[in-house]
Amino acid sequence: MKTKAVLGGLVAGLAGVAAMTLAEKLEQLVTNRPNSYVPAHTLERLLRLPHKPDQQRLGLNWTMHWGQGIVLGIVRGVMAQHGIRGPVSSFLFMNLRLLNDQTLENATGVGALPWSWPADEQLIDLMHKGIYAFTTGVVADNLVTGPPQSADQRAGWRLGQKA
């Protein structure tokens, strides 16, 4: 793993979590959805801290929210370094982010399985994680140099065009 992939990934993760956070705050203005303290309580359990009310966990909430996003950016930086780039790789990365959140939240007993959530909450979570993943991807793909030779490109097709 090259230092540039790690550093570029960290910067990309920071940009991704900043974009996601901005989108969350704008969405909350429209939907009146309250802040979630699931990140704080997940970290609270991981660190085996005594339970405290949401109001006393803002710092822990931001640490988990920003920390996960920034650190996971390293994975996207390494993906870019190895030629796993573009929108499809960002879509794959979005699934990694969702898997990371759900694994930690459910393994600690803090979260609930996403299919048990109301449909609007599922959609909101997917939208925010998509914003995170695609922003992180664009930044990583621009900061981290890929391999000297990329995979062979196949010719595309167009509707109505004969092969």
N, C-alpha and C. Protein backbone atom coordinates (compact mmCIF):
# COMPACT_ATOMS: atom_id res chain seq x y z
N MET A 1 0.85 -1.17 0.00
CA MET A 1 0.00 0.00 0.00
C MET A 1 0.90 1.23 0.00
N LYS A 2 0.65 2.11 -0.93
CA LYS A 2 1.47 3.32 -1.03
C LYS A 2 0.93 4.42 -0.13
N THR A 3 1.85 5.23 0.35
CA THR A 3 1.48 6.36 1.22
C THR A 3 0.50 7.28 0.52
N LYS A 4 0.68 7.51 -0.78
CA LYS A 4 -0.21 8.41 -1.52
C LYS A 4 -1.63 7.86 -1.53
N ALA A 5 -1.80 6.55 -1.64
CA ALA A 5 -3.14 5.96 -1.62
C ALA A 5 -3.79 6.16 -0.26
N VAL A 6 -3.00 5.99 0.81
CA VAL A 6 -3.53 6.15 2.17
C VAL A 6 -3.89 7.61 2.41
N LEU A 7 -2.96 8.52 2.12
CA LEU A 7 -3.22 9.95 2.35
C LEU A 7 -4.34 10.47 1.46
N GLY A 8 -4.30 10.08 0.20
CA GLY A 8 -5.37 10.48 -0.72
C GLY A 8 -6.71 9.93 -0.28
N GLY A 9 -6.71 8.71 0.22
CA GLY A 9 -7.94 8.11 0.73
C GLY A 9 -8.47 8.82 1.96
N LEU A 10 -7.57 9.23 2.85
CA LEU A 10 -8.00 9.98 4.03
C LEU A 10 -8.63 11.31 3.64
N VAL A 11 -8.00 12.01 2.69
CA VAL A 11 -8.56 13.28 2.22
C VAL A 11 -9.91 13.03 1.53
N ALA A 12 -9.97 11.98 0.72
CA ALA A 12 -11.22 11.64 0.03
C ALA A 12 -12.31 11.29 1.03
N GLY A 13 -11.96 10.52 2.06
CA GLY A 13 -12.93 10.17 3.09
C GLY A 13 -13.43 11.40 3.83
N LEU A 14 -12.53 12.34 4.11
CA LEU A 14 -12.92 13.60 4.75
C LEU A 14 -13.90 14.37 3.87
N ALA A 15 -13.60 14.45 2.57
CA ALA A 15 -14.50 15.15 1.65
C ALA A 15 -15.85 14.43 1.57
N GLY A 16 -15.82 13.12 1.55
CA GLY A 16 -17.06 12.35 1.48
C GLY A 16 -17.93 12.52 2.70
N VAL A 17 -17.33 12.46 3.88
CA VAL A 17 -18.13 12.61 5.11
C VAL A 17 -18.61 14.04 5.27
N ALA A 18 -17.84 15.02 4.78
CA ALA A 18 -18.30 16.41 4.81
C ALA A 18 -19.51 16.60 3.90
N ALA A 19 -19.45 16.03 2.70
CA ALA A 19 -20.59 16.13 1.78
C ALA A 19 -21.81 15.41 2.35
N MET A 20 -21.61 14.25 2.94
CA MET A 20 -22.72 13.50 3.53
C MET A 20 -23.33 14.29 4.69
N THR A 21 -22.50 14.87 5.53
CA THR A 21 -22.99 15.63 6.68
C THR A 21 -23.79 16.85 6.23
N LEU A 22 -23.30 17.55 5.23
CA LEU A 22 -24.02 18.70 4.69
C LEU A 22 -25.38 18.25 4.14
N ALA A 23 -25.38 17.16 3.38
CA ALA A 23 -26.64 16.63 2.83
C ALA A 23 -27.61 16.23 3.95
N GLU A 24 -27.07 15.62 5.01
CA GLU A 24 -27.92 15.23 6.15
C GLU A 24 -28.56 16.45 6.80
N LYS A 25 -27.78 17.49 6.99
CA LYS A 25 -28.31 18.69 7.65
C LYS A 25 -29.36 19.37 6.77
N LEU A 26 -29.14 19.40 5.46
CA LEU A 26 -30.14 19.97 4.55
C LEU A 26 -31.41 19.11 4.54
N GLU A 27 -31.23 17.80 4.49
CA GLU A 27 -32.39 16.88 4.52
C GLU A 27 -33.17 17.05 5.81
N GLN A 28 -32.49 17.21 6.94
CA GLN A 28 -33.17 17.36 8.23
C GLN A 28 -33.97 18.66 8.29
N LEU A 29 -33.53 19.69 7.59
CA LEU A 29 -34.30 20.93 7.53
C LEU A 29 -35.64 20.70 6.83
N VAL A 30 -35.63 19.82 5.83
CA VAL A 30 -36.85 19.54 5.06
C VAL A 30 -37.75 18.53 5.78
N THR A 31 -37.14 17.47 6.32
CA THR A 31 -37.93 16.37 6.89
C THR A 31 -38.20 16.51 8.39
N ASN A 32 -37.47 17.41 9.06
CA ASN A 32 -37.55 17.55 10.52
C ASN A 32 -37.10 16.28 11.26
N ARG A 33 -36.32 15.44 10.58
CA ARG A 33 -35.78 14.23 11.21
C ARG A 33 -34.74 14.65 12.24
N PRO A 34 -34.81 14.09 13.45
CA PRO A 34 -33.83 14.47 14.48
C PRO A 34 -32.46 13.84 14.21
N ASN A 35 -31.45 14.37 14.89
CA ASN A 35 -30.11 13.77 14.82
C ASN A 35 -30.16 12.35 15.34
N SER A 36 -29.34 11.50 14.75
CA SER A 36 -29.22 10.13 15.23
C SER A 36 -28.00 10.04 16.14
N TYR A 37 -28.18 9.37 17.26
CA TYR A 37 -27.06 9.14 18.17
C TYR A 37 -26.62 7.68 18.16
N VAL A 38 -27.04 6.96 17.11
CA VAL A 38 -26.60 5.56 16.96
C VAL A 38 -25.07 5.49 16.85
N PRO A 39 -24.41 6.38 16.10
CA PRO A 39 -22.94 6.31 16.07
C PRO A 39 -22.32 6.45 17.47
N ALA A 40 -22.83 7.38 18.26
CA ALA A 40 -22.28 7.58 19.61
C ALA A 40 -22.45 6.34 20.47
N HIS A 41 -23.64 5.77 20.43
CA HIS A 41 -23.90 4.62 21.29
C HIS A 41 -23.18 3.36 20.80
N THR A 42 -22.94 3.30 19.49
CA THR A 42 -22.13 2.19 18.96
C THR A 42 -20.71 2.30 19.47
N LEU A 43 -20.12 3.48 19.38
CA LEU A 43 -18.75 3.67 19.88
C LEU A 43 -18.70 3.50 21.39
N GLU A 44 -19.72 3.96 22.07
CA GLU A 44 -19.83 3.78 23.52
C GLU A 44 -19.72 2.30 23.88
N ARG A 45 -20.43 1.46 23.14
CA ARG A 45 -20.38 0.01 23.40
C ARG A 45 -19.04 -0.59 23.01
N LEU A 46 -18.50 -0.15 21.86
CA LEU A 46 -17.20 -0.68 21.42
C LEU A 46 -16.10 -0.37 22.42
N LEU A 47 -16.17 0.81 23.03
CA LEU A 47 -15.16 1.22 24.01
C LEU A 47 -15.52 0.80 25.44
N ARG A 48 -16.67 0.14 25.56
CA ARG A 48 -17.17 -0.33 26.87
C ARG A 48 -17.30 0.81 27.88
N LEU A 49 -17.80 1.93 27.40
CA LEU A 49 -18.06 3.08 28.26
C LEU A 49 -19.43 2.94 28.90
N PRO A 50 -19.65 3.55 30.03
CA PRO A 50 -20.99 3.51 30.63
C PRO A 50 -21.97 4.27 29.74
N HIS A 51 -23.21 3.80 29.69
CA HIS A 51 -24.24 4.45 28.88
C HIS A 51 -24.55 5.84 29.43
N LYS A 52 -24.65 6.80 28.53
CA LYS A 52 -25.04 8.16 28.90
C LYS A 52 -26.11 8.63 27.91
N PRO A 53 -26.92 9.60 28.29
CA PRO A 53 -27.96 10.11 27.39
C PRO A 53 -27.35 10.77 26.14
N ASP A 54 -28.18 10.85 25.10
CA ASP A 54 -27.74 11.46 23.84
C ASP A 54 -27.09 12.81 24.03
N GLN A 55 -27.69 13.66 24.86
CA GLN A 55 -27.19 15.02 25.04
C GLN A 55 -25.75 15.06 25.55
N GLN A 56 -25.32 13.98 26.19
CA GLN A 56 -23.96 13.92 26.72
C GLN A 56 -23.00 13.17 25.79
N ARG A 57 -23.48 12.83 24.60
CA ARG A 57 -22.66 12.03 23.69
C ARG A 57 -22.39 12.70 22.34
N LEU A 58 -22.52 14.02 22.26
CA LEU A 58 -22.29 14.70 20.99
C LEU A 58 -20.86 14.49 20.50
N GLY A 59 -19.87 14.63 21.37
CA GLY A 59 -18.47 14.43 20.97
C GLY A 59 -18.21 13.02 20.46
N LEU A 60 -18.76 12.04 21.17
CA LEU A 60 -18.61 10.65 20.75
C LEU A 60 -19.33 10.41 19.42
N ASN A 61 -20.46 11.08 19.24
CA ASN A 61 -21.23 10.95 18.00
C ASN A 61 -20.41 11.44 16.81
N TRP A 62 -19.83 12.62 16.96
CA TRP A 62 -19.04 13.18 15.87
C TRP A 62 -17.76 12.37 15.64
N THR A 63 -17.17 11.87 16.70
CA THR A 63 -15.95 11.05 16.56
C THR A 63 -16.24 9.82 15.70
N MET A 64 -17.33 9.15 15.99
CA MET A 64 -17.68 7.94 15.22
C MET A 64 -18.11 8.30 13.81
N HIS A 65 -18.95 9.31 13.66
CA HIS A 65 -19.48 9.72 12.36
C HIS A 65 -18.34 10.13 11.42
N TRP A 66 -17.51 11.07 11.87
CA TRP A 66 -16.41 11.54 11.04
C TRP A 66 -15.29 10.52 10.95
N GLY A 67 -14.98 9.86 12.05
CA GLY A 67 -13.89 8.88 12.06
C GLY A 67 -14.10 7.73 11.10
N GLN A 68 -15.30 7.15 11.11
CA GLN A 68 -15.58 6.05 10.18
C GLN A 68 -15.42 6.51 8.74
N GLY A 69 -15.99 7.67 8.42
CA GLY A 69 -15.95 8.15 7.05
C GLY A 69 -14.54 8.43 6.57
N ILE A 70 -13.75 9.05 7.43
CA ILE A 70 -12.38 9.39 7.05
C ILE A 70 -11.53 8.12 6.90
N VAL A 71 -11.59 7.23 7.89
CA VAL A 71 -10.76 6.02 7.86
C VAL A 71 -11.16 5.09 6.71
N LEU A 72 -12.47 4.95 6.45
CA LEU A 72 -12.89 4.09 5.33
C LEU A 72 -12.44 4.64 3.98
N GLY A 73 -12.17 5.96 3.93
CA GLY A 73 -11.65 6.54 2.70
C GLY A 73 -10.35 5.89 2.26
N ILE A 74 -9.58 5.37 3.19
CA ILE A 74 -8.34 4.67 2.83
C ILE A 74 -8.63 3.52 1.87
N VAL A 75 -9.70 2.79 2.14
CA VAL A 75 -10.06 1.67 1.25
C VAL A 75 -10.30 2.17 -0.16
N ARG A 76 -11.01 3.30 -0.28
CA ARG A 76 -11.31 3.83 -1.62
C ARG A 76 -10.04 4.33 -2.28
N GLY A 77 -9.11 4.88 -1.51
CA GLY A 77 -7.82 5.29 -2.06
C GLY A 77 -7.04 4.10 -2.60
N VAL A 78 -7.05 3.00 -1.86
CA VAL A 78 -6.35 1.77 -2.30
C VAL A 78 -7.05 1.19 -3.53
N MET A 79 -8.38 1.27 -3.56
CA MET A 79 -9.10 0.81 -4.75
C MET A 79 -8.63 1.59 -5.98
N ALA A 80 -8.56 2.92 -5.86
CA ALA A 80 -8.14 3.77 -6.98
C ALA A 80 -6.71 3.43 -7.40
N GLN A 81 -5.85 3.20 -6.41
CA GLN A 81 -4.45 2.86 -6.70
C GLN A 81 -4.35 1.60 -7.55
N HIS A 82 -5.26 0.66 -7.32
CA HIS A 82 -5.22 -0.62 -8.04
C HIS A 82 -6.11 -0.64 -9.27
N GLY A 83 -6.59 0.54 -9.69
CA GLY A 83 -7.35 0.62 -10.94
C GLY A 83 -8.84 0.37 -10.77
N ILE A 84 -9.30 0.24 -9.55
CA ILE A 84 -10.74 0.04 -9.29
C ILE A 84 -11.30 1.44 -9.09
N ARG A 85 -11.74 2.04 -10.20
CA ARG A 85 -12.05 3.46 -10.23
C ARG A 85 -13.42 3.68 -10.87
N GLY A 86 -13.90 4.89 -10.77
CA GLY A 86 -15.12 5.29 -11.46
C GLY A 86 -16.39 4.98 -10.69
N PRO A 87 -17.54 5.22 -11.33
CA PRO A 87 -18.83 5.09 -10.65
C PRO A 87 -19.14 3.69 -10.12
N VAL A 88 -18.76 2.66 -10.86
CA VAL A 88 -19.05 1.30 -10.38
C VAL A 88 -18.26 1.01 -9.12
N SER A 89 -17.01 1.45 -9.06
CA SER A 89 -16.23 1.22 -7.84
C SER A 89 -16.79 2.02 -6.68
N SER A 90 -17.32 3.20 -6.95
CA SER A 90 -17.94 3.98 -5.88
C SER A 90 -19.22 3.31 -5.39
N PHE A 91 -19.96 2.68 -6.29
CA PHE A 91 -21.14 1.92 -5.88
C PHE A 91 -20.73 0.74 -4.99
N LEU A 92 -19.69 0.04 -5.37
CA LEU A 92 -19.20 -1.06 -4.54
C LEU A 92 -18.75 -0.55 -3.18
N PHE A 93 -18.08 0.58 -3.18
CA PHE A 93 -17.61 1.20 -1.94
C PHE A 93 -18.78 1.62 -1.06
N MET A 94 -19.87 2.09 -1.66
CA MET A 94 -21.06 2.46 -0.89
C MET A 94 -21.56 1.25 -0.09
N ASN A 95 -21.52 0.10 -0.71
CA ASN A 95 -21.96 -1.11 -0.01
C ASN A 95 -21.03 -1.46 1.14
N LEU A 96 -19.74 -1.20 0.98
CA LEU A 96 -18.80 -1.42 2.08
C LEU A 96 -19.14 -0.50 3.25
N ARG A 97 -19.46 0.76 2.95
CA ARG A 97 -19.82 1.70 4.01
C ARG A 97 -21.08 1.25 4.75
N LEU A 98 -22.08 0.81 3.98
CA LEU A 98 -23.32 0.31 4.60
C LEU A 98 -23.04 -0.92 5.45
N LEU A 99 -22.23 -1.83 4.93
CA LEU A 99 -21.88 -3.06 5.66
C LEU A 99 -21.12 -2.74 6.94
N ASN A 100 -20.21 -1.79 6.88
CA ASN A 100 -19.44 -1.38 8.05
C ASN A 100 -20.38 -0.85 9.14
N ASP A 101 -21.25 0.08 8.76
CA ASP A 101 -22.19 0.65 9.73
C ASP A 101 -23.06 -0.43 10.35
N GLN A 102 -23.67 -1.24 9.51
CA GLN A 102 -24.62 -2.24 10.01
C GLN A 102 -23.94 -3.30 10.86
N THR A 103 -22.75 -3.70 10.48
CA THR A 103 -22.03 -4.71 11.26
C THR A 103 -21.73 -4.18 12.67
N LEU A 104 -21.18 -2.99 12.74
CA LEU A 104 -20.85 -2.43 14.06
C LEU A 104 -22.10 -2.14 14.89
N GLU A 105 -23.11 -1.55 14.26
CA GLU A 105 -24.32 -1.18 15.00
C GLU A 105 -25.07 -2.41 15.51
N ASN A 106 -25.15 -3.44 14.69
CA ASN A 106 -25.90 -4.62 15.09
C ASN A 106 -25.09 -5.56 15.98
N ALA A 107 -23.78 -5.62 15.76
CA ALA A 107 -22.95 -6.47 16.63
C ALA A 107 -22.91 -5.93 18.06
N THR A 108 -23.05 -4.62 18.21
CA THR A 108 -23.05 -4.02 19.55
C THR A 108 -24.44 -3.98 20.16
N GLY A 109 -25.45 -4.34 19.38
CA GLY A 109 -26.82 -4.32 19.88
C GLY A 109 -27.46 -2.95 19.87
N VAL A 110 -26.82 -1.99 19.24
CA VAL A 110 -27.35 -0.62 19.21
C VAL A 110 -28.34 -0.43 18.07
N GLY A 111 -28.04 -1.01 16.92
CA GLY A 111 -28.85 -0.79 15.73
C GLY A 111 -29.91 -1.86 15.54
N ALA A 112 -30.68 -1.64 14.51
CA ALA A 112 -31.69 -2.60 14.07
C ALA A 112 -31.40 -2.92 12.61
N LEU A 113 -31.76 -4.10 12.18
CA LEU A 113 -31.52 -4.48 10.79
C LEU A 113 -32.28 -3.54 9.86
N PRO A 114 -31.64 -3.07 8.78
CA PRO A 114 -32.24 -2.03 7.95
C PRO A 114 -33.60 -2.40 7.37
N TRP A 115 -33.83 -3.66 7.08
CA TRP A 115 -35.13 -4.02 6.51
C TRP A 115 -36.26 -3.93 7.53
N SER A 116 -35.90 -3.71 8.80
CA SER A 116 -36.93 -3.49 9.82
C SER A 116 -37.26 -2.00 9.97
N TRP A 117 -36.52 -1.15 9.28
CA TRP A 117 -36.74 0.30 9.34
C TRP A 117 -37.91 0.68 8.45
N PRO A 118 -38.53 1.83 8.71
CA PRO A 118 -39.52 2.36 7.76
C PRO A 118 -38.84 2.64 6.41
N ALA A 119 -39.58 2.51 5.33
CA ALA A 119 -39.01 2.68 3.98
C ALA A 119 -38.35 4.05 3.80
N ASP A 120 -38.93 5.10 4.37
CA ASP A 120 -38.33 6.43 4.19
C ASP A 120 -36.96 6.51 4.87
N GLU A 121 -36.79 5.86 6.01
CA GLU A 121 -35.49 5.84 6.68
C GLU A 121 -34.46 5.06 5.87
N GLN A 122 -34.89 3.96 5.25
CA GLN A 122 -33.98 3.19 4.40
C GLN A 122 -33.51 4.05 3.22
N LEU A 123 -34.45 4.72 2.59
CA LEU A 123 -34.12 5.56 1.44
C LEU A 123 -33.18 6.70 1.83
N ILE A 124 -33.44 7.33 2.95
CA ILE A 124 -32.59 8.42 3.42
C ILE A 124 -31.18 7.91 3.69
N ASP A 125 -31.05 6.76 4.34
CA ASP A 125 -29.72 6.21 4.63
C ASP A 125 -28.97 5.88 3.34
N LEU A 126 -29.66 5.25 2.39
CA LEU A 126 -29.02 4.92 1.11
C LEU A 126 -28.57 6.19 0.38
N MET A 127 -29.41 7.21 0.41
CA MET A 127 -29.07 8.47 -0.26
C MET A 127 -27.81 9.08 0.36
N HIS A 128 -27.78 9.14 1.69
CA HIS A 128 -26.61 9.75 2.34
C HIS A 128 -25.35 8.93 2.14
N LYS A 129 -25.45 7.62 2.23
CA LYS A 129 -24.26 6.78 2.02
C LYS A 129 -23.81 6.85 0.56
N GLY A 130 -24.74 7.03 -0.36
CA GLY A 130 -24.38 7.22 -1.77
C GLY A 130 -23.62 8.52 -1.98
N ILE A 131 -24.09 9.59 -1.36
CA ILE A 131 -23.39 10.87 -1.44
C ILE A 131 -21.98 10.73 -0.89
N TYR A 132 -21.86 10.06 0.25
CA TYR A 132 -20.53 9.82 0.84
C TYR A 132 -19.64 9.04 -0.14
N ALA A 133 -20.15 7.92 -0.63
CA ALA A 133 -19.32 7.02 -1.45
C ALA A 133 -18.91 7.65 -2.77
N PHE A 134 -19.83 8.33 -3.43
CA PHE A 134 -19.50 8.90 -4.73
C PHE A 134 -18.61 10.13 -4.60
N THR A 135 -18.80 10.92 -3.56
CA THR A 135 -17.89 12.05 -3.33
C THR A 135 -16.50 11.53 -2.99
N THR A 136 -16.42 10.56 -2.11
CA THR A 136 -15.14 9.96 -1.75
C THR A 136 -14.46 9.39 -3.00
N GLY A 137 -15.24 8.74 -3.84
CA GLY A 137 -14.70 8.14 -5.07
C GLY A 137 -14.13 9.15 -6.03
N VAL A 138 -14.87 10.23 -6.27
CA VAL A 138 -14.39 11.27 -7.19
C VAL A 138 -13.07 11.85 -6.68
N VAL A 139 -13.02 12.16 -5.39
CA VAL A 139 -11.81 12.75 -4.82
C VAL A 139 -10.66 11.75 -4.87
N ALA A 140 -10.90 10.51 -4.47
CA ALA A 140 -9.84 9.49 -4.49
C ALA A 140 -9.33 9.26 -5.91
N ASP A 141 -10.24 9.17 -6.87
CA ASP A 141 -9.83 8.93 -8.26
C ASP A 141 -8.99 10.08 -8.81
N ASN A 142 -9.20 11.28 -8.29
CA ASN A 142 -8.42 12.44 -8.74
C ASN A 142 -7.12 12.63 -7.98
N LEU A 143 -7.04 12.13 -6.76
CA LEU A 143 -5.83 12.30 -5.95
C LEU A 143 -4.85 11.14 -6.06
N VAL A 144 -5.36 9.95 -6.32
CA VAL A 144 -4.53 8.74 -6.28
C VAL A 144 -4.31 8.23 -7.69
N THR A 145 -3.04 8.11 -8.05
CA THR A 145 -2.68 7.60 -9.36
C THR A 145 -2.95 6.10 -9.43
N GLY A 146 -3.54 5.69 -10.53
CA GLY A 146 -3.83 4.28 -10.74
C GLY A 146 -2.63 3.54 -11.31
N PRO A 147 -2.83 2.27 -11.64
CA PRO A 147 -1.72 1.49 -12.21
C PRO A 147 -1.30 2.05 -13.57
N PRO A 148 -0.07 1.77 -13.98
CA PRO A 148 0.42 2.32 -15.24
C PRO A 148 -0.39 1.85 -16.45
N GLN A 149 -0.95 0.66 -16.37
CA GLN A 149 -1.74 0.15 -17.49
C GLN A 149 -3.07 -0.33 -16.92
N SER A 150 -4.15 0.21 -17.45
CA SER A 150 -5.46 -0.20 -16.96
C SER A 150 -5.97 -1.39 -17.75
N ALA A 151 -7.03 -1.97 -17.28
CA ALA A 151 -7.64 -3.13 -17.94
C ALA A 151 -8.10 -2.73 -19.35
N ASP A 152 -8.16 -3.71 -20.24
CA ASP A 152 -8.65 -3.44 -21.59
C ASP A 152 -10.08 -2.94 -21.53
N GLN A 153 -10.34 -1.93 -22.34
CA GLN A 153 -11.69 -1.38 -22.41
C GLN A 153 -12.47 -2.10 -23.49
N ARG A 154 -13.70 -2.43 -23.20
CA ARG A 154 -14.52 -3.05 -24.22
C ARG A 154 -15.32 -1.96 -24.91
N ALA A 155 -15.67 -2.25 -26.15
CA ALA A 155 -16.48 -1.29 -26.89
C ALA A 155 -17.89 -1.29 -26.31
N GLY A 156 -18.46 -0.13 -26.16
CA GLY A 156 -19.82 -0.02 -25.65
C GLY A 156 -20.83 -0.32 -26.73
N TRP A 157 -22.07 -0.34 -26.38
CA TRP A 157 -23.14 -0.55 -27.35
C TRP A 157 -24.17 0.55 -27.15
N ARG A 158 -24.91 0.78 -28.20
CA ARG A 158 -25.97 1.78 -28.14
C ARG A 158 -27.27 1.13 -28.59
N LEU A 159 -28.35 1.54 -27.98
CA LEU A 159 -29.67 1.01 -28.33
C LEU A 159 -29.93 1.24 -29.80
N GLY A 160 -30.33 0.19 -30.49
CA GLY A 160 -30.65 0.29 -31.90
C GLY A 160 -29.46 0.14 -32.83
N GLN A 161 -28.26 0.02 -32.29
CA GLN A 161 -27.05 -0.11 -33.09
C GLN A 161 -26.78 -1.59 -33.32
N LYS A 162 -26.50 -1.97 -34.56
CA LYS A 162 -26.18 -3.37 -34.86
C LYS A 162 -24.74 -3.66 -34.54
N ALA A 163 -24.51 -4.87 -34.06
CA ALA A 163 -23.15 -5.26 -33.68
C ALA A 163 -22.29 -5.51 -34.87
